[in-house]
């Protein structure tokens, strides 16, 4: 309701210096003393907010986040958060741990090899080095070999020391059985400018590692058609009886088996993996051989001359002329060796006995009855006939057996 004392035009504005109608009039209070203004505080630094975190800072739906706002605990989750980047130092730690584990594994393997495979490898290398030095006795000890056994009589310092030795022996690989200590070792070595490969085996017992199958090779078989051969330093020569004799790898000189043979040239015997043969083994009887055979031939024909039966003399190897007027079965003969058959070296390379016997000269007197039954005698002549003889060298002696 309008105030009748105030004109309608003046309702919207109070008179100057008059309080507004809506404000009650209060007694005038004394003015408060003026306070100094507080110093302006710097605004806190604004932290950048990741886009995926903006929703968490919103205070109401649709409201944009503002720098420095606190996350709203009631904000709905927004998608899957991105995994924070892994610090670089974490990768260094992981890498170091892996490297350390690798070192530990290698150390374990090395220790295992030292106690197992490398122990076998070390013994194998020592064994090869001994052979390369010509030290057969040391190699025999590692292989537990007895050189006094028939097949091992070449495994001595005296024999190996005079041979050309192997060089650059190396253990190239070891392979140990999973069920035992048996270890197979591959080796390489050089001999006379050529590289060879071989295999040995080692085993282990309470005494340690030893070579159970060594680096030895069986020598070529000596046939009965030749007397054999000799290796410098050996106690005896090799003959057809020595079919299982072995030797360490090397190049061996070959000599005549005994004084009864001569060997042409200077043949060599190379003993190595898959390479051993006797080349140019040309043996010829020596003068000592001929002298010994001649002595025994003389003795044989001298014995033949003691026989009195015509047919017995013939069977012994003396061919007598046949009487012209006497019955052989009723007569006896007295044989004389005028000239003993001479022994000569055979020109026939296929000759089994390597010698031949000359005709010699014999005479005989037959005494008996003529065809009329009257006493008679007749002079006969003779020469060496067919003879079978077996010649061999036994205990460095020539033995001729006539059949």
Protein backbone atom coordinates (compact mmCIF):
# COMPACT_ATOMS: atom_id res chain seq x y z
CA UNK A 1 0.00 0.00 0.00
CA UNK A 2 1.52 3.36 -1.00
CA UNK A 3 2.50 6.01 1.43
CA UNK A 4 0.08 9.04 0.82
CA UNK A 5 2.67 11.49 1.88
CA UNK A 6 5.21 10.48 -0.75
CA UNK A 7 4.54 11.22 -4.41
CA UNK A 8 4.17 8.24 -6.71
CA UNK A 9 7.14 9.33 -8.84
CA UNK A 10 9.46 9.10 -5.93
CA UNK A 11 8.83 5.53 -4.79
CA UNK A 12 11.86 4.16 -6.58
CA UNK A 13 14.37 6.63 -5.19
CA UNK A 14 14.84 7.85 -1.64
CA UNK A 15 15.66 11.45 -0.95
CA UNK A 16 19.31 12.23 -1.03
CA UNK A 17 20.84 11.64 2.31
CA UNK A 18 17.84 9.67 3.54
CA UNK A 19 18.21 6.01 4.33
CA UNK A 20 16.52 3.46 2.14
CA UNK A 21 13.10 2.47 3.33
CA UNK A 22 14.11 -1.19 3.49
CA UNK A 23 17.07 -0.60 5.79
CA UNK A 24 16.27 0.14 9.44
CA UNK A 25 17.74 3.19 10.91
CA UNK A 26 20.36 2.51 13.51
CA UNK A 27 22.33 4.90 15.57
CA UNK A 28 25.55 5.86 13.89
CA UNK A 29 28.46 3.86 15.14
CA UNK A 30 31.94 5.22 15.34
CA UNK A 31 34.11 4.03 12.47
CA UNK A 32 36.50 1.14 13.22
CA UNK A 33 40.14 1.86 12.88
CA UNK A 34 41.47 0.96 9.41
CA UNK A 35 43.33 -2.40 9.36
CA UNK A 36 46.34 -2.80 7.17
CA UNK A 37 45.76 -5.06 4.16
CA UNK A 38 47.04 -8.65 4.43
CA UNK A 39 49.91 -9.38 2.12
CA UNK A 40 48.92 -11.12 -1.07
CA UNK A 41 49.65 -14.83 -0.89
CA UNK A 42 51.08 -16.48 -4.02
CA UNK A 43 48.78 -18.91 -5.66
CA UNK A 44 49.77 -22.58 -5.18
CA UNK A 45 51.45 -24.14 -8.17
CA UNK A 46 49.15 -25.82 -10.49
CA UNK A 47 49.87 -29.55 -11.04
CA UNK A 48 49.15 -30.89 -14.46
CA UNK A 49 46.28 -33.31 -14.44
CA UNK A 50 46.34 -36.33 -16.69
CA UNK A 51 43.32 -36.64 -19.01
CA UNK A 52 42.35 -40.00 -17.54
CA UNK A 53 42.29 -38.39 -14.05
CA UNK A 54 40.17 -35.37 -14.95
CA UNK A 55 36.89 -37.15 -14.22
CA UNK A 56 38.08 -37.93 -10.69
CA UNK A 57 38.54 -34.25 -10.00
CA UNK A 58 35.07 -33.23 -11.15
CA UNK A 59 32.88 -31.93 -8.28
CA UNK A 60 29.61 -32.41 -10.10
CA UNK A 61 28.37 -34.04 -13.26
CA UNK A 62 29.38 -31.97 -16.24
CA UNK A 63 31.72 -29.73 -14.24
CA UNK A 64 35.22 -29.33 -15.69
CA UNK A 65 38.19 -30.03 -13.41
CA UNK A 66 40.33 -27.16 -12.44
CA UNK A 67 44.03 -27.03 -11.64
CA UNK A 68 44.91 -27.99 -8.11
CA UNK A 69 41.49 -29.45 -7.33
CA UNK A 70 41.35 -32.46 -5.01
CA UNK A 71 40.08 -35.78 -6.39
CA UNK A 72 36.41 -36.36 -5.81
CA UNK A 73 36.03 -39.60 -3.84
CA UNK A 74 32.47 -39.95 -5.05
CA UNK A 75 33.32 -39.63 -8.71
CA UNK A 76 32.40 -42.76 -10.73
CA UNK A 77 35.37 -44.83 -12.00
CA UNK A 78 36.36 -44.02 -15.49
CA UNK A 79 37.74 -46.95 -17.53
CA UNK A 80 40.98 -48.84 -16.83
CA UNK A 81 43.86 -46.75 -15.65
CA UNK A 82 47.09 -46.87 -17.67
CA UNK A 83 49.90 -48.73 -15.94
CA UNK A 84 52.59 -46.37 -14.76
CA UNK A 85 55.92 -46.63 -16.63
CA UNK A 86 58.54 -48.97 -15.02
CA UNK A 87 61.53 -46.98 -13.79
CA UNK A 88 64.73 -47.65 -15.72
CA UNK A 89 66.59 -48.70 -12.62
CA UNK A 90 64.20 -51.68 -12.22
CA UNK A 91 65.39 -53.10 -15.55
CA UNK A 92 69.01 -52.74 -14.43
CA UNK A 93 68.21 -54.69 -11.28
CA UNK A 94 66.44 -57.44 -13.26
CA UNK A 95 69.31 -57.64 -15.77
CA UNK A 96 71.88 -57.85 -12.99
CA UNK A 97 69.95 -60.65 -11.31
CA UNK A 98 69.78 -62.62 -14.58
CA UNK A 99 73.50 -62.13 -15.19
CA UNK A 100 74.29 -63.25 -11.65
CA UNK A 101 72.16 -66.36 -12.10
CA UNK A 102 74.01 -67.17 -15.34
CA UNK A 103 77.36 -66.80 -13.59
CA UNK A 104 76.20 -69.14 -10.82
CA UNK A 105 75.05 -71.73 -13.38
CA UNK A 106 78.38 -71.55 -15.25
CA UNK A 107 80.27 -71.91 -11.98
CA UNK A 108 78.22 -74.99 -11.08
CA UNK A 109 78.91 -76.51 -14.50
CA UNK A 110 82.62 -75.79 -14.20
CA UNK A 111 82.77 -77.36 -10.76
CA UNK A 112 80.88 -80.40 -12.02
CA UNK A 113 83.29 -80.71 -14.95
CA UNK A 114 86.23 -80.35 -12.64
CA UNK A 115 84.97 -83.18 -10.51
CA UNK A 116 83.78 -85.24 -13.47
CA UNK A 117 84.28 -84.70 -17.20
CA UNK A 118 87.21 -82.30 -17.02
CA UNK A 119 89.01 -84.77 -14.75
CA UNK A 120 88.75 -87.32 -17.52
CA UNK A 121 89.80 -84.68 -20.04
CA UNK A 122 92.90 -83.80 -18.02
CA UNK A 123 93.97 -87.45 -17.77
CA UNK A 124 93.32 -87.94 -21.48
CA UNK A 125 95.49 -84.93 -22.35
CA UNK A 126 98.30 -86.16 -20.08
CA UNK A 127 98.09 -89.55 -21.78
CA UNK A 128 98.42 -88.00 -25.24
CA UNK A 129 101.30 -85.79 -24.10
CA UNK A 130 103.18 -88.83 -22.77
CA UNK A 131 102.85 -90.58 -26.13
CA UNK A 132 104.02 -87.44 -27.92
CA UNK A 133 107.09 -87.37 -25.66
CA UNK A 134 107.87 -91.04 -26.28
CA UNK A 135 107.24 -91.82 -22.62
CA UNK A 136 105.49 -95.17 -23.02
CA UNK A 137 105.89 -96.15 -19.38
CA UNK A 138 103.97 -93.04 -18.23
CA UNK A 139 101.23 -93.67 -20.80
CA UNK A 140 101.09 -97.32 -19.71
CA UNK A 141 100.59 -96.20 -16.12
CA UNK A 142 97.62 -94.02 -17.03
CA UNK A 143 96.19 -96.86 -19.12
CA UNK A 144 97.14 -99.55 -16.59
CA UNK A 145 98.90 -101.54 -19.30
CA UNK A 146 101.42 -104.30 -18.64
CA UNK A 147 104.09 -104.22 -21.35
CA UNK A 148 105.25 -107.71 -20.36
CA UNK A 149 102.14 -109.21 -21.93
CA UNK A 150 102.68 -110.76 -25.37
CA UNK A 151 100.51 -108.30 -27.29
CA UNK A 152 102.06 -105.28 -25.54
CA UNK A 153 105.78 -105.92 -25.98
CA UNK A 154 106.08 -102.89 -28.30
CA UNK A 155 104.63 -100.51 -25.68
CA UNK A 156 107.97 -99.63 -24.15
CA UNK A 157 110.23 -96.58 -23.96
CA UNK A 158 112.88 -98.47 -25.91
CA UNK A 159 110.53 -98.93 -28.87
CA UNK A 160 108.52 -95.69 -28.79
CA UNK A 161 111.64 -93.68 -28.05
CA UNK A 162 113.15 -94.68 -31.42
CA UNK A 163 110.00 -93.95 -33.42
CA UNK A 164 108.85 -90.68 -34.93
CA UNK A 165 106.35 -89.32 -32.41
CA UNK A 166 102.98 -87.68 -32.82
CA UNK A 167 102.72 -83.91 -32.40
CA UNK A 168 100.02 -81.39 -31.43
CA UNK A 169 97.84 -83.90 -29.56
CA UNK A 170 94.53 -82.33 -28.54
CA UNK A 171 91.42 -83.58 -26.77
CA UNK A 172 88.69 -82.23 -29.03
CA UNK A 173 85.57 -83.49 -27.25
CA UNK A 174 84.42 -85.59 -24.29
CA UNK A 175 81.17 -87.50 -23.96
CA UNK A 176 80.29 -89.02 -20.58
CA UNK A 177 77.71 -91.74 -20.07
CA UNK A 178 74.66 -90.77 -18.02
CA UNK A 179 74.64 -94.10 -16.21
CA UNK A 180 78.35 -94.40 -15.38
CA UNK A 181 81.71 -92.61 -15.40
CA UNK A 182 82.63 -94.12 -18.76
CA UNK A 183 83.80 -91.22 -20.93
CA UNK A 184 84.51 -91.28 -24.65
CA UNK A 185 87.17 -88.82 -25.76
CA UNK A 186 87.77 -87.67 -29.32
CA UNK A 187 91.38 -86.71 -30.05
CA UNK A 188 93.38 -85.28 -32.90
CA UNK A 189 97.10 -85.42 -33.55
CA UNK A 190 99.64 -84.96 -36.31
CA UNK A 191 102.08 -87.53 -37.61
CA UNK A 192 104.55 -87.07 -40.44
CA UNK A 193 102.75 -83.93 -41.60
CA UNK A 194 99.27 -85.48 -41.64
CA UNK A 195 96.40 -84.93 -39.21
CA UNK A 196 94.69 -87.95 -37.71
CA UNK A 197 91.65 -88.41 -35.55
CA UNK A 198 91.08 -91.11 -32.98
CA UNK A 199 88.98 -92.11 -30.00
CA UNK A 200 89.92 -93.30 -26.55
CA UNK A 201 87.84 -94.19 -23.51
CA UNK A 202 88.32 -93.42 -19.84
CA UNK A 203 86.70 -94.74 -16.70
CA UNK A 204 86.88 -94.01 -13.01
CA UNK A 205 87.26 -96.14 -9.90
CA UNK A 206 88.40 -95.61 -6.33
CA UNK A 207 91.92 -94.91 -7.60
CA UNK A 208 90.76 -92.18 -9.97
CA UNK A 209 90.48 -91.73 -13.72
CA UNK A 210 92.30 -94.12 -16.04
CA UNK A 211 92.42 -94.87 -19.77
CA UNK A 212 90.31 -97.99 -20.32
CA UNK A 213 90.80 -98.09 -24.12
CA UNK A 214 93.94 -96.37 -25.26
CA UNK A 215 95.41 -94.92 -28.40
CA UNK A 216 97.01 -98.12 -29.66
CA UNK A 217 96.65 -99.84 -33.01
CA UNK A 218 97.00 -103.46 -34.05
CA UNK A 219 99.86 -104.08 -36.46
CA UNK A 220 99.46 -105.69 -39.88
CA UNK A 221 99.16 -109.44 -39.90
CA UNK A 222 102.35 -111.26 -40.79
CA UNK A 223 101.65 -114.19 -43.08
CA UNK A 224 103.49 -117.46 -42.74
CA UNK A 225 105.07 -116.93 -46.16
CA UNK A 226 107.52 -114.39 -44.73
CA UNK A 227 109.69 -114.67 -41.63
CA UNK A 228 108.39 -111.40 -40.22
CA UNK A 229 110.19 -108.18 -39.31
CA UNK A 230 111.73 -106.41 -36.37
CA UNK A 231 111.17 -102.99 -34.79
CA UNK A 232 114.19 -101.26 -33.23
CA UNK A 233 114.14 -101.56 -29.45
CA UNK A 234 111.85 -104.62 -29.36
CA UNK A 235 112.85 -107.76 -27.49
CA UNK A 236 111.95 -109.99 -30.41
CA UNK A 237 110.69 -109.78 -33.97
CA UNK A 238 107.13 -110.02 -35.16
CA UNK A 239 106.09 -113.23 -36.85
CA UNK A 240 102.85 -114.88 -37.89
CA UNK A 241 102.36 -115.82 -34.23
CA UNK A 242 102.04 -112.15 -33.25
CA UNK A 243 98.60 -111.50 -34.71
CA UNK A 244 97.35 -109.23 -31.90
CA UNK A 245 100.39 -107.05 -31.22
CA UNK A 246 99.63 -103.34 -30.75
CA UNK A 247 101.74 -100.19 -30.81
CA UNK A 248 101.36 -96.50 -30.01
CA UNK A 249 100.91 -94.20 -33.02
CA UNK A 250 104.19 -93.30 -34.65
CA UNK A 251 106.44 -93.96 -37.63
CA UNK A 252 108.61 -96.99 -36.94
CA UNK A 253 111.68 -98.16 -38.78
CA UNK A 254 111.57 -101.75 -40.01
CA UNK A 255 114.50 -104.10 -39.80
CA UNK A 256 115.17 -107.67 -40.79
CA UNK A 257 113.71 -110.10 -38.25
CA UNK A 258 117.08 -111.70 -37.48
CA UNK A 259 120.59 -112.25 -38.80
CA UNK A 260 119.39 -114.83 -41.29
CA UNK A 261 117.66 -112.25 -43.50
CA UNK A 262 118.61 -109.04 -45.24
CA UNK A 263 116.15 -106.22 -45.84
CA UNK A 264 116.47 -104.05 -48.91
CA UNK A 265 116.08 -100.31 -48.47
CA UNK A 266 114.88 -98.60 -45.31
CA UNK A 267 111.14 -99.31 -45.10
CA UNK A 268 108.92 -97.53 -42.59
CA UNK A 269 105.82 -98.62 -40.75
CA UNK A 270 103.27 -95.87 -40.07
CA UNK A 271 100.98 -96.75 -37.18
CA UNK A 272 98.00 -94.40 -36.91
CA UNK A 273 94.23 -94.32 -37.14
CA UNK A 274 93.17 -96.32 -40.22
CA UNK A 275 96.68 -96.06 -41.64
CA UNK A 276 99.16 -98.81 -41.02
CA UNK A 277 100.88 -101.04 -43.52
CA UNK A 278 104.26 -102.53 -44.22
CA UNK A 279 105.63 -101.26 -47.51
CA UNK A 280 108.51 -102.63 -49.54
CA UNK A 281 109.22 -105.51 -47.21
CA UNK A 282 111.78 -107.29 -49.42
CA UNK A 283 113.56 -109.92 -47.39
CA UNK A 284 116.28 -112.11 -48.81
CA UNK A 285 118.25 -114.87 -47.07
CA UNK A 286 121.56 -113.70 -45.72
CA UNK A 287 124.82 -115.61 -45.94
CA UNK A 288 124.30 -116.78 -42.38
CA UNK A 289 121.00 -118.28 -43.49
CA UNK A 290 122.62 -120.09 -46.40
CA UNK A 291 125.46 -121.37 -44.27
CA UNK A 292 123.06 -122.78 -41.68
CA UNK A 293 120.82 -124.38 -44.29
CA UNK A 294 123.84 -125.83 -46.10
CA UNK A 295 125.06 -127.38 -42.89
CA UNK A 296 121.75 -129.09 -42.33
CA UNK A 297 121.48 -130.20 -45.97
CA UNK A 298 124.89 -131.79 -45.73
CA UNK A 299 123.83 -133.61 -42.60
CA UNK A 300 120.66 -134.85 -44.27
CA UNK A 301 122.41 -136.33 -47.30
CA UNK A 302 125.09 -137.84 -45.14
CA UNK A 303 122.36 -139.68 -43.31
CA UNK A 304 120.77 -140.74 -46.59
CA UNK A 305 124.07 -142.29 -47.60
CA UNK A 306 123.90 -144.65 -44.63
CA UNK A 307 120.84 -146.38 -45.97
CA UNK A 308 121.36 -149.71 -47.77
CA UNK A 309 118.02 -150.23 -49.45
CA UNK A 310 117.85 -148.85 -52.96
CA UNK A 311 114.29 -147.56 -52.47
CA UNK A 312 115.08 -146.07 -49.05
CA UNK A 313 117.92 -144.10 -50.56
CA UNK A 314 115.61 -142.88 -53.29
CA UNK A 315 112.93 -141.84 -50.78
CA UNK A 316 115.57 -139.90 -48.83
CA UNK A 317 116.27 -137.66 -51.82
CA UNK A 318 119.05 -139.36 -53.79
CA UNK A 319 118.24 -140.56 -57.29
CA UNK A 320 120.55 -143.50 -58.21
CA UNK A 321 120.95 -144.98 -61.65
CA UNK A 322 119.14 -148.26 -62.16
CA UNK A 323 121.24 -151.46 -62.31
CA UNK A 324 121.35 -153.20 -65.69
CA UNK A 325 121.64 -156.85 -64.61
CA UNK A 326 120.66 -157.07 -61.00
CA UNK A 327 117.41 -157.50 -59.06
CA UNK A 328 117.04 -154.42 -56.86
CA UNK A 329 114.89 -156.20 -54.32
CA UNK A 330 117.58 -158.78 -53.68
CA UNK A 331 120.53 -156.35 -53.52
CA UNK A 332 121.99 -153.72 -51.21
CA UNK A 333 123.71 -150.46 -51.96
CA UNK A 334 126.59 -148.59 -50.40
CA UNK A 335 126.22 -144.86 -51.18
CA UNK A 336 128.99 -142.32 -51.12
CA UNK A 337 128.48 -138.53 -51.12
CA UNK A 338 131.01 -137.30 -53.62
CA UNK A 339 129.69 -133.76 -53.58
CA UNK A 340 126.90 -132.54 -51.33
CA UNK A 341 124.14 -130.58 -53.08
CA UNK A 342 124.74 -126.86 -52.81
CA UNK A 343 122.12 -124.50 -51.44
CA UNK A 344 121.40 -121.41 -53.50
CA UNK A 345 118.97 -118.51 -53.24
CA UNK A 346 115.94 -119.09 -55.38
CA UNK A 347 115.34 -116.78 -58.30
CA UNK A 348 111.66 -117.57 -58.06
CA UNK A 349 109.98 -114.86 -55.98
CA UNK A 350 107.09 -117.24 -55.30
CA UNK A 351 109.37 -119.90 -53.89
CA UNK A 352 108.00 -120.98 -50.53
CA UNK A 353 111.41 -121.92 -49.16
CA UNK A 354 113.39 -119.10 -50.80
CA UNK A 355 116.22 -121.43 -51.74
CA UNK A 356 117.00 -124.28 -54.12
CA UNK A 357 119.35 -127.25 -53.92
CA UNK A 358 121.87 -128.18 -56.61
CA UNK A 359 122.22 -131.74 -57.98
CA UNK A 360 125.30 -132.70 -56.03
CA UNK A 361 127.20 -135.91 -56.88
CA UNK A 362 126.76 -139.40 -55.49
CA UNK A 363 128.15 -142.87 -56.27
CA UNK A 364 127.03 -146.27 -55.07
CA UNK A 365 127.97 -149.93 -55.28
CA UNK A 366 125.13 -152.42 -55.51
CA UNK A 367 125.81 -155.92 -54.30
CA UNK A 368 123.52 -158.93 -54.75
CA UNK A 369 122.52 -161.44 -57.38
CA UNK A 370 121.99 -161.13 -61.07
CA UNK A 371 118.83 -162.28 -62.79
CA UNK A 372 120.31 -165.81 -63.02
CA UNK A 373 120.77 -165.92 -59.28
CA UNK A 374 124.51 -165.62 -59.42
CA UNK A 375 126.42 -163.23 -57.10
CA UNK A 376 126.97 -159.86 -58.75
CA UNK A 377 127.82 -156.22 -58.15
CA UNK A 378 127.36 -153.06 -60.10
CA UNK A 379 128.53 -149.45 -59.81
CA UNK A 380 125.82 -146.75 -59.81
CA UNK A 381 125.78 -142.97 -59.99
CA UNK A 382 123.33 -140.53 -58.47
CA UNK A 383 122.26 -136.98 -57.81
CA UNK A 384 119.90 -135.09 -55.58
CA UNK A 385 116.31 -135.83 -56.34
CA UNK A 386 113.00 -134.47 -55.10
CA UNK A 387 113.14 -133.32 -51.54
CA UNK A 388 110.55 -131.69 -49.29
CA UNK A 389 111.81 -129.44 -46.55
CA UNK A 390 110.25 -127.18 -44.00
CA UNK A 391 112.47 -124.27 -42.97
CA UNK A 392 111.73 -121.96 -40.07
CA UNK A 393 113.51 -119.72 -37.64
CA UNK A 394 112.98 -120.91 -34.09
CA UNK A 395 114.65 -119.08 -31.17
CA UNK A 396 117.07 -117.41 -33.63
CA UNK A 397 118.04 -120.76 -35.07
CA UNK A 398 117.40 -122.14 -38.52
CA UNK A 399 115.56 -125.40 -38.37
CA UNK A 400 115.25 -127.41 -41.60
CA UNK A 401 112.89 -130.39 -41.45
CA UNK A 402 113.09 -132.82 -44.41
CA UNK A 403 110.06 -134.89 -45.27
